[in-house]
Amino acid sequence: MDVFLTGGSGSAGGVIIRRLVADGNTVHALARSASAAKAVAAAGARPVRGDLTDALRTGADAPAWLNTLDDVDAVVHAAAYMEFWGPTNCSSSATCCPPAPCTRPR
C-alpha cells in the first residue's frame, strides 16, 4: 500500500514510518526542510518537500506536494503544531498557561 504521512520527521512519525515500511508499505512523508527530508529518508520514507500550511492554496497556486495524494491509498496525519508554552519548571497551570478567552455572549 502507498501511504502519505504528515509529521514523519517527529518522534511518532519516525516510528510510524519504520512500522509501515517493515510491513511492506511505501511511505511518502511530507517534509518542510532539508533536515526533515533527511530524517524521513533515514527512517525509510520517500520525502515529499512541502508545508502542511499550504494545503488550502488552490488552482495554479496549489502546492505541488498535493499531487502526491492522487497516488496513495491512505493518509496518516501525525503532524502537530509545537510551540513553547511557558516556563519549563512549572508547578501550577495558573503560572504556565494563559487564561482561556471568554466565549460567552456578554
Foldseek 3Di string as FASTA:
>chain_A
DEEEEEPLLDPVNLVVLLVCVVVPYAYEYEDADPVSCVSNVVSPYHYDYDDPVQCPDDDPSRDPSVVVVVPGDYYYYPDDDDDQQADPPDDDVPRGHDDDDDPDDD
